[in-house]
PDB file of N, CA and C in Angstrom:
ATOM      1  N   MET A   1      41.399 -36.811  11.619  1.00  0.00           N
ATOM      2  CA  MET A   1      41.281 -35.260  13.019  1.00  0.00           C
ATOM      3  C   MET A   1      42.456 -34.070  12.133  1.00  0.00           C
ATOM      4  N   CYS A   2      42.052 -32.794  13.338  1.00  0.00           N
ATOM      5  CA  CYS A   2      43.247 -31.564  12.798  1.00  0.00           C
ATOM      6  C   CYS A   2      42.956 -31.482  14.762  1.00  0.00           C
ATOM      7  N   PRO A   3      44.886 -31.184  15.103  1.00  0.00           N
ATOM      8  CA  PRO A   3      44.250 -30.160  16.600  1.00  0.00           C
ATOM      9  C   PRO A   3      43.219 -29.692  17.330  1.00  0.00           C
ATOM     10  N   HIS A   4      42.922 -29.095  16.291  1.00  0.00           N
ATOM     11  CA  HIS A   4      41.041 -28.431  16.746  1.00  0.00           C
ATOM     12  C   HIS A   4      40.549 -29.343  17.656  1.00  0.00           C
ATOM     13  N   ASP A   5      40.610 -30.775  17.225  1.00  0.00           N
ATOM     14  CA  ASP A   5      39.347 -31.537  17.388  1.00  0.00           C
ATOM     15  C   ASP A   5      39.865 -31.704  19.198  1.00  0.00           C
ATOM     16  N   GLY A   6      40.970 -31.820  19.786  1.00  0.00           N
ATOM     17  CA  GLY A   6      40.823 -31.208  21.024  1.00  0.00           C
ATOM     18  C   GLY A   6      40.648 -30.547  22.007  1.00  0.00           C
ATOM     19  N   GLU A   7      40.219 -29.103  20.904  1.00  0.00           N
ATOM     20  CA  GLU A   7      40.052 -28.147  21.909  1.00  0.00           C
ATOM     21  C   GLU A   7      38.364 -28.626  22.127  1.00  0.00           C
ATOM     22  N   GLN A   8      37.722 -29.043  20.834  1.00  0.00           N
ATOM     23  CA  GLN A   8      35.531 -29.353  21.054  1.00  0.00           C
ATOM     24  C   GLN A   8      36.174 -30.799  21.423  1.00  0.00           C
ATOM     25  N   VAL A   9      36.880 -31.935  21.763  1.00  0.00           N
ATOM     26  CA  VAL A   9      36.324 -32.151  23.170  1.00  0.00           C
ATOM     27  C   VAL A   9      36.871 -32.078  24.415  1.00  0.00           C
ATOM     28  N   THR A  10      37.589 -31.044  24.716  1.00  0.00           N
ATOM     29  CA  THR A  10      37.362 -30.330  26.166  1.00  0.00           C
ATOM     30  C   THR A  10      36.476 -29.685  26.045  1.00  0.00           C
ATOM     31  N   ASP A  11      36.030 -28.528  25.404  1.00  0.00           N
ATOM     32  CA  ASP A  11      34.373 -27.977  25.072  1.00  0.00           C
ATOM     33  C   ASP A  11      33.651 -29.156  25.644  1.00  0.00           C
ATOM     34  N   ALA A  12      33.065 -30.173  25.166  1.00  0.00           N
ATOM     35  CA  ALA A  12      32.533 -31.342  25.015  1.00  0.00           C
ATOM     36  C   ALA A  12      32.189 -31.781  27.256  1.00  0.00           C
ATOM     37  N   PHE A  13      33.541 -32.103  26.996  1.00  0.00           N
ATOM     38  CA  PHE A  13      33.690 -32.949  29.057  1.00  0.00           C
ATOM     39  C   PHE A  13      33.724 -31.369  28.962  1.00  0.00           C
ATOM     40  N   ALA A  14      33.728 -30.207  29.035  1.00  0.00           N
ATOM     41  CA  ALA A  14      33.996 -29.279  30.257  1.00  0.00           C
ATOM     42  C   ALA A  14      32.685 -28.850  30.033  1.00  0.00           C
ATOM     43  N   GLY A  15      31.731 -29.312  29.091  1.00  0.00           N
ATOM     44  CA  GLY A  15      30.101 -28.997  28.844  1.00  0.00           C
ATOM     45  C   GLY A  15      29.610 -29.959  30.284  1.00  0.00           C
ATOM     46  N   VAL A  16      29.804 -31.065  30.386  1.00  0.00           N
ATOM     47  CA  VAL A  16      29.368 -32.297  30.770  1.00  0.00           C
ATOM     48  C   VAL A  16      29.514 -31.821  32.678  1.00  0.00           C
ATOM     49  N   TYR A  17      31.089 -31.774  32.737  1.00  0.00           N
ATOM     50  CA  TYR A  17      31.704 -31.518  33.591  1.00  0.00           C
ATOM     51  C   TYR A  17      31.690 -30.646  34.998  1.00  0.00           C
ATOM     52  N   GLY A  18      31.887 -29.081  33.917  1.00  0.00           N
ATOM     53  CA  GLY A  18      32.222 -28.295  34.678  1.00  0.00           C
ATOM     54  C   GLY A  18      33.164 -28.075  34.193  1.00  0.00           C
ATOM     55  N   GLU A  19      33.293 -25.794  34.129  1.00  0.00           N
ATOM     56  CA  GLU A  19      34.622 -25.491  33.913  1.00  0.00           C
ATOM     57  C   GLU A  19      35.749 -25.185  34.589  1.00  0.00           C
ATOM     58  N   ARG A  20      34.871 -26.126  36.048  1.00  0.00           N
ATOM     59  CA  ARG A  20      36.006 -26.625  36.443  1.00  0.00           C
ATOM     60  C   ARG A  20      37.383 -28.047  35.791  1.00  0.00           C
ATOM     61  N   ALA A  21      37.004 -29.048  35.501  1.00  0.00           N
ATOM     62  CA  ALA A  21      37.299 -29.994  34.723  1.00  0.00           C
ATOM     63  C   ALA A  21      38.116 -29.472  33.261  1.00  0.00           C
ATOM     64  N   ARG A  22      38.342 -27.922  32.892  1.00  0.00           N
ATOM     65  CA  ARG A  22      38.803 -28.020  31.982  1.00  0.00           C
ATOM     66  C   ARG A  22      40.188 -27.663  31.757  1.00  0.00           C
ATOM     67  N   PRO A  23      40.744 -27.266  32.864  1.00  0.00           N
ATOM     68  CA  PRO A  23      42.470 -27.326  33.011  1.00  0.00           C
ATOM     69  C   PRO A  23      42.936 -28.303  33.401  1.00  0.00           C
ATOM     70  N   ASN A  24      42.160 -29.154  33.584  1.00  0.00           N
ATOM     71  CA  ASN A  24      42.680 -30.196  33.873  1.00  0.00           C
ATOM     72  C   ASN A  24      41.897 -31.283  33.033  1.00  0.00           C
ATOM     73  N   THR A  25      42.064 -31.021  31.637  1.00  0.00           N
ATOM     74  CA  THR A  25      41.506 -32.813  30.668  1.00  0.00           C
ATOM     75  C   THR A  25      42.879 -32.096  29.717  1.00  0.00           C
ATOM     76  N   LEU A  26      43.244 -33.881  29.819  1.00  0.00           N
ATOM     77  CA  LEU A  26      43.951 -34.062  28.850  1.00  0.00           C
ATOM     78  C   LEU A  26      43.020 -34.888  27.919  1.00  0.00           C
ATOM     79  N   VAL A  27      43.862 -34.715  26.448  1.00  0.00           N
ATOM     80  CA  VAL A  27      43.298 -35.362  25.029  1.00  0.00           C
ATOM     81  C   VAL A  27      44.197 -35.179  24.223  1.00  0.00           C
ATOM     82  N   ILE A  28      44.327 -36.683  23.834  1.00  0.00           N
ATOM     83  CA  ILE A  28      45.200 -37.647  22.893  1.00  0.00           C
ATOM     84  C   ILE A  28      44.857 -37.694  22.371  1.00  0.00           C
ATOM     85  N   LEU A  29      45.235 -37.159  20.669  1.00  0.00           N
ATOM     86  CA  LEU A  29      44.813 -37.295  19.256  1.00  0.00           C
ATOM     87  C   LEU A  29      46.138 -38.090  18.613  1.00  0.00           C
ATOM     88  N   GLU A  30      45.579 -39.572  18.191  1.00  0.00           N
ATOM     89  CA  GLU A  30      46.917 -40.429  17.781  1.00  0.00           C
ATOM     90  C   GLU A  30      47.206 -39.875  16.297  1.00  0.00           C
ATOM     91  N   GLU A  31      46.207 -39.687  15.752  1.00  0.00           N
ATOM     92  CA  GLU A  31      46.223 -39.046  14.782  1.00  0.00           C
ATOM     93  C   GLU A  31      46.937 -38.622  13.960  1.00  0.00           C
ATOM     94  N   VAL A  32      47.133 -37.363  15.279  1.00  0.00           N
ATOM     95  CA  VAL A  32      48.127 -35.637  15.136  1.00  0.00           C
ATOM     96  C   VAL A  32      49.752 -35.902  15.159  1.00  0.00           C
ATOM     97  N   ALA A  33      50.571 -36.920  14.523  1.00  0.00           N
ATOM     98  CA  ALA A  33      51.777 -36.309  15.085  1.00  0.00           C
ATOM     99  C   ALA A  33      52.184 -34.990  16.133  1.00  0.00           C
ATOM    100  N   ASP A  34      52.368 -33.908  15.015  1.00  0.00           N
ATOM    101  CA  ASP A  34      52.797 -32.717  15.778  1.00  0.00           C
ATOM    102  C   ASP A  34      51.079 -31.564  16.598  1.00  0.00           C
ATOM    103  N   GLY A  35      51.212 -31.804  17.591  1.00  0.00           N
ATOM    104  CA  GLY A  35      50.177 -31.340  18.313  1.00  0.00           C
ATOM    105  C   GLY A  35      48.941 -31.823  18.578  1.00  0.00           C
ATOM    106  N   GLY A  36      49.243 -33.238  18.603  1.00  0.00           N
ATOM    107  CA  GLY A  36      48.521 -34.414  19.264  1.00  0.00           C
ATOM    108  C   GLY A  36      47.981 -34.611  20.864  1.00  0.00           C
ATOM    109  N   TRP A  37      48.482 -33.626  21.307  1.00  0.00           N
ATOM    110  CA  TRP A  37      48.234 -33.405  22.803  1.00  0.00           C
ATOM    111  C   TRP A  37      47.836 -32.413  22.739  1.00  0.00           C
ATOM    112  N   SER A  38      46.581 -31.968  23.759  1.00  0.00           N
ATOM    113  CA  SER A  38      45.438 -31.073  24.240  1.00  0.00           C
ATOM    114  C   SER A  38      45.197 -31.273  25.637  1.00  0.00           C
ATOM    115  N   PHE A  39      45.987 -30.403  26.460  1.00  0.00           N
ATOM    116  CA  PHE A  39      45.759 -29.842  27.804  1.00  0.00           C
ATOM    117  C   PHE A  39      44.785 -28.787  28.528  1.00  0.00           C
ATOM    118  N   GLY A  40      43.879 -28.813  28.731  1.00  0.00           N
ATOM    119  CA  GLY A  40      42.760 -28.059  29.447  1.00  0.00           C
ATOM    120  C   GLY A  40      42.509 -26.654  27.512  1.00  0.00           C
ATOM    121  N   GLY A  41      42.300 -27.388  26.992  1.00  0.00           N
ATOM    122  CA  GLY A  41      41.864 -26.755  25.513  1.00  0.00           C
ATOM    123  C   GLY A  41      43.141 -26.480  24.651  1.00  0.00           C
ATOM    124  N   THR A  42      44.706 -26.170  25.419  1.00  0.00           N
ATOM    125  CA  THR A  42      45.585 -25.520  24.800  1.00  0.00           C
ATOM    126  C   THR A  42      46.245 -26.976  23.832  1.00  0.00           C
ATOM    127  N   ILE A  43      46.640 -27.147  22.392  1.00  0.00           N
ATOM    128  CA  ILE A  43      47.365 -27.733  21.802  1.00  0.00           C
ATOM    129  C   ILE A  43      48.432 -27.518  22.268  1.00  0.00           C
ATOM    130  N   LEU A  44      49.384 -28.736  22.381  1.00  0.00           N
ATOM    131  CA  LEU A  44      50.533 -29.056  22.476  1.00  0.00           C
ATOM    132  C   LEU A  44      51.615 -29.277  21.106  1.00  0.00           C
ATOM    133  N   THR A  45      51.993 -28.347  21.230  1.00  0.00           N
ATOM    134  CA  THR A  45      53.342 -28.651  19.543  1.00  0.00           C
ATOM    135  C   THR A  45      54.558 -28.830  20.875  1.00  0.00           C
ATOM    136  N   ALA A  46      55.260 -29.347  19.480  1.00  0.00           N
ATOM    137  CA  ALA A  46      56.564 -29.776  19.788  1.00  0.00           C
ATOM    138  C   ALA A  46      57.362 -28.194  20.119  1.00  0.00           C
ATOM    139  N   GLU A  47      57.059 -27.259  19.253  1.00  0.00           N
ATOM    140  CA  GLU A  47      57.616 -25.665  20.257  1.00  0.00           C
ATOM    141  C   GLU A  47      56.805 -25.138  21.059  1.00  0.00           C
ATOM    142  N   ILE A  48      55.770 -25.834  21.396  1.00  0.00           N
ATOM    143  CA  ILE A  48      55.382 -25.018  23.344  1.00  0.00           C
ATOM    144  C   ILE A  48      56.453 -25.915  24.330  1.00  0.00           C
ATOM    145  N   LEU A  49      56.632 -27.447  23.782  1.00  0.00           N
ATOM    146  CA  LEU A  49      56.706 -27.926  24.409  1.00  0.00           C
ATOM    147  C   LEU A  49      58.881 -27.614  25.083  1.00  0.00           C
ATOM    148  N   GLY A  50      58.727 -27.348  23.917  1.00  0.00           N
ATOM    149  CA  GLY A  50      60.943 -26.814  23.531  1.00  0.00           C
ATOM    150  C   GLY A  50      61.478 -27.894  23.284  1.00  0.00           C
ATOM    151  N   ARG A  51      60.748 -28.442  22.215  1.00  0.00           N
ATOM    152  CA  ARG A  51      61.525 -29.864  21.375  1.00  0.00           C
ATOM    153  C   ARG A  51      61.241 -29.275  20.312  1.00  0.00           C
ATOM    154  N   SER A  52      62.152 -28.003  19.469  1.00  0.00           N
ATOM    155  CA  SER A  52      62.220 -27.778  17.968  1.00  0.00           C
ATOM    156  C   SER A  52      63.461 -28.198  17.893  1.00  0.00           C
TER     157      SER A  52
END
């Protein structure tokens, strides 16, 4: 899996439940150490979270 898989999962979820669900969709990719979190289609890295 790559971090962009979170975007694809978010896209699929929003496709089923509507765009209103996108900003509140949390995807956890356990196989990816940094960037394993996606929220609202945005990959959250250590740098974005201020942990660099």
